[in-house]
């Protein structure tokens, strides 16, 4: 593994956010985890929020899923007639 690639820090940052937001807070679950399924539901809720609802500054403060939809819609419109 080449440490010069610079991907490790980004991954560690996302993992840290996941641990803080999905596991140690009660935003995506209520009470302590009693079963593995409880943890899976919390993880799925966080991933859904991360991909579909969080606002991101690099996408103009719109959720990533909306940005992706707008991007592909613009591609599918094709060139405009003159």
PDB file of N, CA and C in Angstrom:
ATOM      1  N   UNK A   1       0.847  -1.179   0.000  1.00  0.00           N
ATOM      2  CA  UNK A   1       0.000   0.000   0.000  1.00  0.00           C
ATOM      3  C   UNK A   1       0.888   1.237   0.000  1.00  0.00           C
ATOM      4  N   UNK A   2       0.584   2.161  -0.849  1.00  0.00           N
ATOM      5  CA  UNK A   2       1.386   3.364  -1.002  1.00  0.00           C
ATOM      6  C   UNK A   2       0.785   4.494  -0.157  1.00  0.00           C
ATOM      7  N   UNK A   3       1.490   4.925   0.888  1.00  0.00           N
ATOM      8  CA  UNK A   3       0.932   5.989   1.741  1.00  0.00           C
ATOM      9  C   UNK A   3       0.848   7.335   1.041  1.00  0.00           C
ATOM     10  N   UNK A   4       1.512   7.479  -0.110  1.00  0.00           N
ATOM     11  CA  UNK A   4       1.476   8.751  -0.826  1.00  0.00           C
ATOM     12  C   UNK A   4       0.152   8.994  -1.542  1.00  0.00           C
ATOM     13  N   UNK A   5      -0.685   7.991  -1.634  1.00  0.00           N
ATOM     14  CA  UNK A   5      -1.945   8.147  -2.356  1.00  0.00           C
ATOM     15  C   UNK A   5      -2.905   9.090  -1.645  1.00  0.00           C
ATOM     16  N   UNK A   6      -2.807   9.206  -0.340  1.00  0.00           N
ATOM     17  CA  UNK A   6      -3.608  10.169   0.393  1.00  0.00           C
ATOM     18  C   UNK A   6      -5.039   9.759   0.667  1.00  0.00           C
ATOM     19  N   UNK A   7      -5.385   8.505   0.441  1.00  0.00           N
ATOM     20  CA  UNK A   7      -6.765   8.073   0.652  1.00  0.00           C
ATOM     21  C   UNK A   7      -7.027   7.650   2.097  1.00  0.00           C
ATOM     22  N   UNK A   8      -6.001   7.272   2.825  1.00  0.00           N
ATOM     23  CA  UNK A   8      -6.183   6.787   4.185  1.00  0.00           C
ATOM     24  C   UNK A   8      -6.792   7.820   5.104  1.00  0.00           C
ATOM     25  N   UNK A   9      -6.338   9.051   5.010  1.00  0.00           N
ATOM     26  CA  UNK A   9      -6.868  10.103   5.872  1.00  0.00           C
ATOM     27  C   UNK A   9      -8.331  10.369   5.632  1.00  0.00           C
ATOM     28  N   UNK A  10      -8.734  10.375   4.380  1.00  0.00           N
ATOM     29  CA  UNK A  10     -10.142  10.607   4.055  1.00  0.00           C
ATOM     30  C   UNK A  10     -11.002   9.465   4.594  1.00  0.00           C
ATOM     31  N   UNK A  11     -10.550   8.237   4.405  1.00  0.00           N
ATOM     32  CA  UNK A  11     -11.312   7.087   4.899  1.00  0.00           C
ATOM     33  C   UNK A  11     -11.402   7.122   6.419  1.00  0.00           C
ATOM     34  N   UNK A  12     -10.299   7.442   7.083  1.00  0.00           N
ATOM     35  CA  UNK A  12     -10.322   7.517   8.539  1.00  0.00           C
ATOM     36  C   UNK A  12     -11.259   8.615   9.018  1.00  0.00           C
ATOM     37  N   UNK A  13     -11.322   9.712   8.302  1.00  0.00           N
ATOM     38  CA  UNK A  13     -12.220  10.799   8.664  1.00  0.00           C
ATOM     39  C   UNK A  13     -13.677  10.357   8.572  1.00  0.00           C
ATOM     40  N   UNK A  14     -14.022   9.656   7.496  1.00  0.00           N
ATOM     41  CA  UNK A  14     -15.396   9.177   7.325  1.00  0.00           C
ATOM     42  C   UNK A  14     -15.732   8.138   8.380  1.00  0.00           C
ATOM     43  N   UNK A  15     -14.784   7.244   8.679  1.00  0.00           N
ATOM     44  CA  UNK A  15     -15.019   6.238   9.719  1.00  0.00           C
ATOM     45  C   UNK A  15     -15.225   6.923  11.064  1.00  0.00           C
ATOM     46  N   UNK A  16     -14.447   7.971  11.345  1.00  0.00           N
ATOM     47  CA  UNK A  16     -14.620   8.717  12.585  1.00  0.00           C
ATOM     48  C   UNK A  16     -15.988   9.370  12.671  1.00  0.00           C
ATOM     49  N   UNK A  17     -16.438   9.963  11.570  1.00  0.00           N
ATOM     50  CA  UNK A  17     -17.782  10.550  11.536  1.00  0.00           C
ATOM     51  C   UNK A  17     -18.839   9.486  11.780  1.00  0.00           C
ATOM     52  N   UNK A  18     -18.664   8.336  11.136  1.00  0.00           N
ATOM     53  CA  UNK A  18     -19.622   7.237  11.303  1.00  0.00           C
ATOM     54  C   UNK A  18     -19.700   6.824  12.763  1.00  0.00           C
ATOM     55  N   UNK A  19     -18.551   6.624  13.392  1.00  0.00           N
ATOM     56  CA  UNK A  19     -18.545   6.201  14.793  1.00  0.00           C
ATOM     57  C   UNK A  19     -19.229   7.239  15.676  1.00  0.00           C
ATOM     58  N   UNK A  20     -18.935   8.499  15.436  1.00  0.00           N
ATOM     59  CA  UNK A  20     -19.506   9.557  16.262  1.00  0.00           C
ATOM     60  C   UNK A  20     -20.999   9.709  16.031  1.00  0.00           C
ATOM     61  N   UNK A  21     -21.408   9.741  14.765  1.00  0.00           N
ATOM     62  CA  UNK A  21     -22.795  10.065  14.444  1.00  0.00           C
ATOM     63  C   UNK A  21     -23.731   8.864  14.494  1.00  0.00           C
ATOM     64  N   UNK A  22     -23.269   7.703  14.070  1.00  0.00           N
ATOM     65  CA  UNK A  22     -24.175   6.560  13.976  1.00  0.00           C
ATOM     66  C   UNK A  22     -24.115   5.654  15.191  1.00  0.00           C
ATOM     67  N   UNK A  23     -22.976   5.568  15.830  1.00  0.00           N
ATOM     68  CA  UNK A  23     -22.819   4.596  16.902  1.00  0.00           C
ATOM     69  C   UNK A  23     -22.921   5.232  18.285  1.00  0.00           C
ATOM     70  N   UNK A  24     -22.188   6.312  18.531  1.00  0.00           N
ATOM     71  CA  UNK A  24     -22.128   6.858  19.889  1.00  0.00           C
ATOM     72  C   UNK A  24     -23.229   7.862  20.204  1.00  0.00           C
ATOM     73  N   UNK A  25     -23.982   8.304  19.202  1.00  0.00           N
ATOM     74  CA  UNK A  25     -25.115   9.194  19.469  1.00  0.00           C
ATOM     75  C   UNK A  25     -26.407   8.414  19.264  1.00  0.00           C
ATOM     76  N   UNK A  26     -27.517   9.012  19.619  1.00  0.00           N
ATOM     77  CA  UNK A  26     -28.799   8.331  19.417  1.00  0.00           C
ATOM     78  C   UNK A  26     -29.587   8.936  18.259  1.00  0.00           C
ATOM     79  N   UNK A  27     -28.877   9.535  17.304  1.00  0.00           N
ATOM     80  CA  UNK A  27     -29.543  10.126  16.148  1.00  0.00           C
ATOM     81  C   UNK A  27     -30.143   9.044  15.254  1.00  0.00           C
ATOM     82  N   UNK A  28     -29.428   7.938  15.086  1.00  0.00           N
ATOM     83  CA  UNK A  28     -29.872   6.886  14.176  1.00  0.00           C
ATOM     84  C   UNK A  28     -30.376   5.651  14.901  1.00  0.00           C
ATOM     85  N   UNK A  29     -30.451   5.702  16.220  1.00  0.00           N
ATOM     86  CA  UNK A  29     -31.001   4.597  17.006  1.00  0.00           C
ATOM     87  C   UNK A  29     -31.408   5.131  18.373  1.00  0.00           C
ATOM     88  N   UNK A  30     -32.237   4.388  19.055  1.00  0.00           N
ATOM     89  CA  UNK A  30     -32.644   4.785  20.402  1.00  0.00           C
ATOM     90  C   UNK A  30     -32.132   3.753  21.394  1.00  0.00           C
ATOM     91  N   UNK A  31     -31.496   4.217  22.429  1.00  0.00           N
ATOM     92  CA  UNK A  31     -30.988   3.332  23.464  1.00  0.00           C
ATOM     93  C   UNK A  31     -29.785   2.523  23.012  1.00  0.00           C
ATOM     94  N   UNK A  32     -29.292   1.672  23.906  1.00  0.00           N
ATOM     95  CA  UNK A  32     -28.127   0.853  23.561  1.00  0.00           C
ATOM     96  C   UNK A  32     -28.498  -0.238  22.554  1.00  0.00           C
ATOM     97  N   UNK A  33     -27.492  -0.671  21.815  1.00  0.00           N
ATOM     98  CA  UNK A  33     -27.710  -1.782  20.885  1.00  0.00           C
ATOM     99  C   UNK A  33     -27.906  -3.061  21.688  1.00  0.00           C
ATOM    100  N   UNK A  34     -28.966  -3.782  21.395  1.00  0.00           N
ATOM    101  CA  UNK A  34     -29.219  -5.051  22.074  1.00  0.00           C
ATOM    102  C   UNK A  34     -28.870  -6.234  21.189  1.00  0.00           C
ATOM    103  N   UNK A  35     -28.936  -6.028  19.887  1.00  0.00           N
ATOM    104  CA  UNK A  35     -28.631  -7.106  18.947  1.00  0.00           C
ATOM    105  C   UNK A  35     -27.794  -6.550  17.803  1.00  0.00           C
ATOM    106  N   UNK A  36     -27.242  -7.450  17.027  1.00  0.00           N
ATOM    107  CA  UNK A  36     -26.497  -7.055  15.841  1.00  0.00           C
ATOM    108  C   UNK A  36     -27.408  -6.321  14.864  1.00  0.00           C
ATOM    109  N   UNK A  37     -28.655  -6.724  14.788  1.00  0.00           N
ATOM    110  CA  UNK A  37     -29.616  -6.077  13.888  1.00  0.00           C
ATOM    111  C   UNK A  37     -29.798  -4.610  14.266  1.00  0.00           C
ATOM    112  N   UNK A  38     -29.789  -4.295  15.563  1.00  0.00           N
ATOM    113  CA  UNK A  38     -29.875  -2.895  15.989  1.00  0.00           C
ATOM    114  C   UNK A  38     -28.734  -2.079  15.392  1.00  0.00           C
ATOM    115  N   UNK A  39     -27.532  -2.639  15.431  1.00  0.00           N
ATOM    116  CA  UNK A  39     -26.381  -1.961  14.839  1.00  0.00           C
ATOM    117  C   UNK A  39     -26.495  -1.839  13.334  1.00  0.00           C
ATOM    118  N   UNK A  40     -27.029  -2.873  12.700  1.00  0.00           N
ATOM    119  CA  UNK A  40     -27.201  -2.831  11.248  1.00  0.00           C
ATOM    120  C   UNK A  40     -28.204  -1.758  10.841  1.00  0.00           C
ATOM    121  N   UNK A  41     -29.280  -1.614  11.591  1.00  0.00           N
ATOM    122  CA  UNK A  41     -30.261  -0.569  11.293  1.00  0.00           C
ATOM    123  C   UNK A  41     -29.660   0.825  11.479  1.00  0.00           C
ATOM    124  N   UNK A  42     -28.872   1.003  12.533  1.00  0.00           N
ATOM    125  CA  UNK A  42     -28.219   2.298  12.747  1.00  0.00           C
ATOM    126  C   UNK A  42     -27.251   2.592  11.604  1.00  0.00           C
ATOM    127  N   UNK A  43     -26.489   1.587  11.189  1.00  0.00           N
ATOM    128  CA  UNK A  43     -25.544   1.772  10.079  1.00  0.00           C
ATOM    129  C   UNK A  43     -26.283   2.109   8.796  1.00  0.00           C
ATOM    130  N   UNK A  44     -27.360   1.397   8.518  1.00  0.00           N
ATOM    131  CA  UNK A  44     -28.134   1.658   7.296  1.00  0.00           C
ATOM    132  C   UNK A  44     -28.741   3.058   7.327  1.00  0.00           C
ATOM    133  N   UNK A  45     -29.212   3.495   8.479  1.00  0.00           N
ATOM    134  CA  UNK A  45     -29.765   4.844   8.597  1.00  0.00           C
ATOM    135  C   UNK A  45     -28.719   5.907   8.344  1.00  0.00           C
ATOM    136  N   UNK A  46     -27.506   5.694   8.875  1.00  0.00           N
ATOM    137  CA  UNK A  46     -26.429   6.660   8.664  1.00  0.00           C
ATOM    138  C   UNK A  46     -26.008   6.697   7.204  1.00  0.00           C
ATOM    139  N   UNK A  47     -25.866   5.529   6.576  1.00  0.00           N
ATOM    140  CA  UNK A  47     -25.471   5.479   5.164  1.00  0.00           C
ATOM    141  C   UNK A  47     -26.527   6.152   4.298  1.00  0.00           C
ATOM    142  N   UNK A  48     -27.809   5.924   4.598  1.00  0.00           N
ATOM    143  CA  UNK A  48     -28.884   6.574   3.846  1.00  0.00           C
ATOM    144  C   UNK A  48     -28.787   8.091   3.999  1.00  0.00           C
ATOM    145  N   UNK A  49     -28.584   8.563   5.227  1.00  0.00           N
ATOM    146  CA  UNK A  49     -28.435  10.003   5.456  1.00  0.00           C
ATOM    147  C   UNK A  49     -27.215  10.540   4.712  1.00  0.00           C
ATOM    148  N   UNK A  50     -26.076   9.836   4.805  1.00  0.00           N
ATOM    149  CA  UNK A  50     -24.825  10.287   4.178  1.00  0.00           C
ATOM    150  C   UNK A  50     -24.994  10.414   2.671  1.00  0.00           C
ATOM    151  N   UNK A  51     -25.665   9.467   2.043  1.00  0.00           N
ATOM    152  CA  UNK A  51     -25.791   9.447   0.586  1.00  0.00           C
ATOM    153  C   UNK A  51     -26.950  10.279   0.053  1.00  0.00           C
ATOM    154  N   UNK A  52     -28.001  10.472   0.846  1.00  0.00           N
ATOM    155  CA  UNK A  52     -29.223  11.061   0.298  1.00  0.00           C
ATOM    156  C   UNK A  52     -29.670  12.374   0.924  1.00  0.00           C
ATOM    157  N   UNK A  53     -29.268  12.673   2.161  1.00  0.00           N
ATOM    158  CA  UNK A  53     -29.843  13.847   2.819  1.00  0.00           C
ATOM    159  C   UNK A  53     -28.843  14.871   3.339  1.00  0.00           C
ATOM    160  N   UNK A  54     -27.586  14.518   3.537  1.00  0.00           N
ATOM    161  CA  UNK A  54     -26.641  15.489   4.108  1.00  0.00           C
ATOM    162  C   UNK A  54     -26.348  16.583   3.090  1.00  0.00           C
ATOM    163  N   UNK A  55     -26.213  17.781   3.561  1.00  0.00           N
ATOM    164  CA  UNK A  55     -25.855  18.900   2.696  1.00  0.00           C
ATOM    165  C   UNK A  55     -24.337  18.960   2.594  1.00  0.00           C
ATOM    166  N   UNK A  56     -23.847  19.238   1.409  1.00  0.00           N
ATOM    167  CA  UNK A  56     -22.404  19.241   1.190  1.00  0.00           C
ATOM    168  C   UNK A  56     -21.998  20.516   0.477  1.00  0.00           C
ATOM    169  N   UNK A  57     -20.976  21.181   0.989  1.00  0.00           N
ATOM    170  CA  UNK A  57     -20.572  22.473   0.434  1.00  0.00           C
ATOM    171  C   UNK A  57     -20.065  22.363  -0.998  1.00  0.00           C
ATOM    172  N   UNK A  58     -19.429  21.254  -1.366  1.00  0.00           N
ATOM    173  CA  UNK A  58     -18.886  21.147  -2.729  1.00  0.00           C
ATOM    174  C   UNK A  58     -19.969  20.890  -3.769  1.00  0.00           C
ATOM    175  N   UNK A  59     -21.183  20.600  -3.334  1.00  0.00           N
ATOM    176  CA  UNK A  59     -22.287  20.391  -4.279  1.00  0.00           C
ATOM    177  C   UNK A  59     -23.317  21.509  -4.189  1.00  0.00           C
ATOM    178  N   UNK A  60     -22.921  22.655  -3.655  1.00  0.00           N
ATOM    179  CA  UNK A  60     -23.838  23.786  -3.562  1.00  0.00           C
ATOM    180  C   UNK A  60     -24.870  23.638  -2.468  1.00  0.00           C
ATOM    181  N   UNK A  61     -24.500  22.970  -1.377  1.00  0.00           N
ATOM    182  CA  UNK A  61     -25.389  22.748  -0.232  1.00  0.00           C
ATOM    183  C   UNK A  61     -26.633  21.948  -0.600  1.00  0.00           C
ATOM    184  N   UNK A  62     -26.478  21.001  -1.515  1.00  0.00           N
ATOM    185  CA  UNK A  62     -27.559  20.056  -1.803  1.00  0.00           C
ATOM    186  C   UNK A  62     -27.046  18.653  -1.495  1.00  0.00           C
ATOM    187  N   UNK A  63     -27.942  17.724  -1.197  1.00  0.00           N
ATOM    188  CA  UNK A  63     -27.515  16.361  -0.885  1.00  0.00           C
ATOM    189  C   UNK A  63     -26.829  15.699  -2.084  1.00  0.00           C
ATOM    190  N   UNK A  64     -25.907  14.771  -1.826  1.00  0.00           N
ATOM    191  CA  UNK A  64     -25.201  14.097  -2.915  1.00  0.00           C
ATOM    192  C   UNK A  64     -26.128  13.415  -3.918  1.00  0.00           C
ATOM    193  N   UNK A  65     -27.183  12.774  -3.461  1.00  0.00           N
ATOM    194  CA  UNK A  65     -28.089  12.089  -4.389  1.00  0.00           C
ATOM    195  C   UNK A  65     -28.765  13.080  -5.330  1.00  0.00           C
ATOM    196  N   UNK A  66     -29.154  14.236  -4.811  1.00  0.00           N
ATOM    197  CA  UNK A  66     -29.779  15.257  -5.655  1.00  0.00           C
ATOM    198  C   UNK A  66     -28.775  15.808  -6.665  1.00  0.00           C
ATOM    199  N   UNK A  67     -27.533  16.014  -6.222  1.00  0.00           N
ATOM    200  CA  UNK A  67     -26.481  16.488  -7.122  1.00  0.00           C
ATOM    201  C   UNK A  67     -26.242  15.474  -8.244  1.00  0.00           C
ATOM    202  N   UNK A  68     -26.192  14.198  -7.893  1.00  0.00           N
ATOM    203  CA  UNK A  68     -25.993  13.152  -8.901  1.00  0.00           C
ATOM    204  C   UNK A  68     -27.157  13.128  -9.892  1.00  0.00           C
ATOM    205  N   UNK A  69     -28.379  13.245  -9.389  1.00  0.00           N
ATOM    206  CA  UNK A  69     -29.557  13.267 -10.256  1.00  0.00           C
ATOM    207  C   UNK A  69     -29.482  14.442 -11.227  1.00  0.00           C
ATOM    208  N   UNK A  70     -29.166  15.626 -10.713  1.00  0.00           N
ATOM    209  CA  UNK A  70     -29.066  16.821 -11.562  1.00  0.00           C
ATOM    210  C   UNK A  70     -27.969  16.668 -12.611  1.00  0.00           C
ATOM    211  N   UNK A  71     -26.848  16.065 -12.226  1.00  0.00           N
ATOM    212  CA  UNK A  71     -25.728  15.862 -13.147  1.00  0.00           C
ATOM    213  C   UNK A  71     -26.150  14.981 -14.321  1.00  0.00           C
ATOM    214  N   UNK A  72     -26.770  13.834 -14.022  1.00  0.00           N
ATOM    215  CA  UNK A  72     -27.173  12.929 -15.098  1.00  0.00           C
ATOM    216  C   UNK A  72     -28.327  13.492 -15.919  1.00  0.00           C
ATOM    217  N   UNK A  73     -29.202  14.258 -15.298  1.00  0.00           N
ATOM    218  CA  UNK A  73     -30.280  14.901 -16.053  1.00  0.00           C
ATOM    219  C   UNK A  73     -29.698  15.887 -17.056  1.00  0.00           C
ATOM    220  N   UNK A  74     -28.675  16.629 -16.655  1.00  0.00           N
ATOM    221  CA  UNK A  74     -28.027  17.578 -17.565  1.00  0.00           C
ATOM    222  C   UNK A  74     -27.338  16.846 -18.713  1.00  0.00           C
ATOM    223  N   UNK A  75     -26.722  15.707 -18.429  1.00  0.00           N
ATOM    224  CA  UNK A  75     -26.083  14.924 -19.491  1.00  0.00           C
ATOM    225  C   UNK A  75     -27.110  14.395 -20.486  1.00  0.00           C
ATOM    226  N   UNK A  76     -28.257  13.970 -19.989  1.00  0.00           N
ATOM    227  CA  UNK A  76     -29.289  13.374 -20.847  1.00  0.00           C
ATOM    228  C   UNK A  76     -30.041  14.402 -21.675  1.00  0.00           C
ATOM    229  N   UNK A  77     -29.974  15.672 -21.283  1.00  0.00           N
ATOM    230  CA  UNK A  77     -30.640  16.704 -22.081  1.00  0.00           C
ATOM    231  C   UNK A  77     -29.961  16.867 -23.429  1.00  0.00           C
ATOM    232  N   UNK A  78     -28.670  16.589 -23.474  1.00  0.00           N
ATOM    233  CA  UNK A  78     -27.926  16.691 -24.726  1.00  0.00           C
ATOM    234  C   UNK A  78     -27.705  18.129 -25.139  1.00  0.00           C
ATOM    235  N   UNK A  79     -27.130  18.312 -26.318  1.00  0.00           N
ATOM    236  CA  UNK A  79     -26.854  19.676 -26.789  1.00  0.00           C
ATOM    237  C   UNK A  79     -28.147  20.410 -27.137  1.00  0.00           C
ATOM    238  N   UNK A  80     -28.143  21.697 -26.895  1.00  0.00           N
ATOM    239  CA  UNK A  80     -29.307  22.525 -27.209  1.00  0.00           C
ATOM    240  C   UNK A  80     -29.236  22.968 -28.668  1.00  0.00           C
ATOM    241  N   UNK A  81     -30.357  22.932 -29.397  1.00  0.00           N
ATOM    242  CA  UNK A  81     -30.330  23.406 -30.789  1.00  0.00           C
ATOM    243  C   UNK A  81     -30.056  24.907 -30.844  1.00  0.00           C
ATOM    244  N   UNK A  82     -29.421  25.329 -31.909  1.00  0.00           N
ATOM    245  CA  UNK A  82     -29.049  26.746 -32.060  1.00  0.00           C
ATOM    246  C   UNK A  82     -30.152  27.508 -32.729  1.00  0.00           C
TER     247      UNK A  82
END
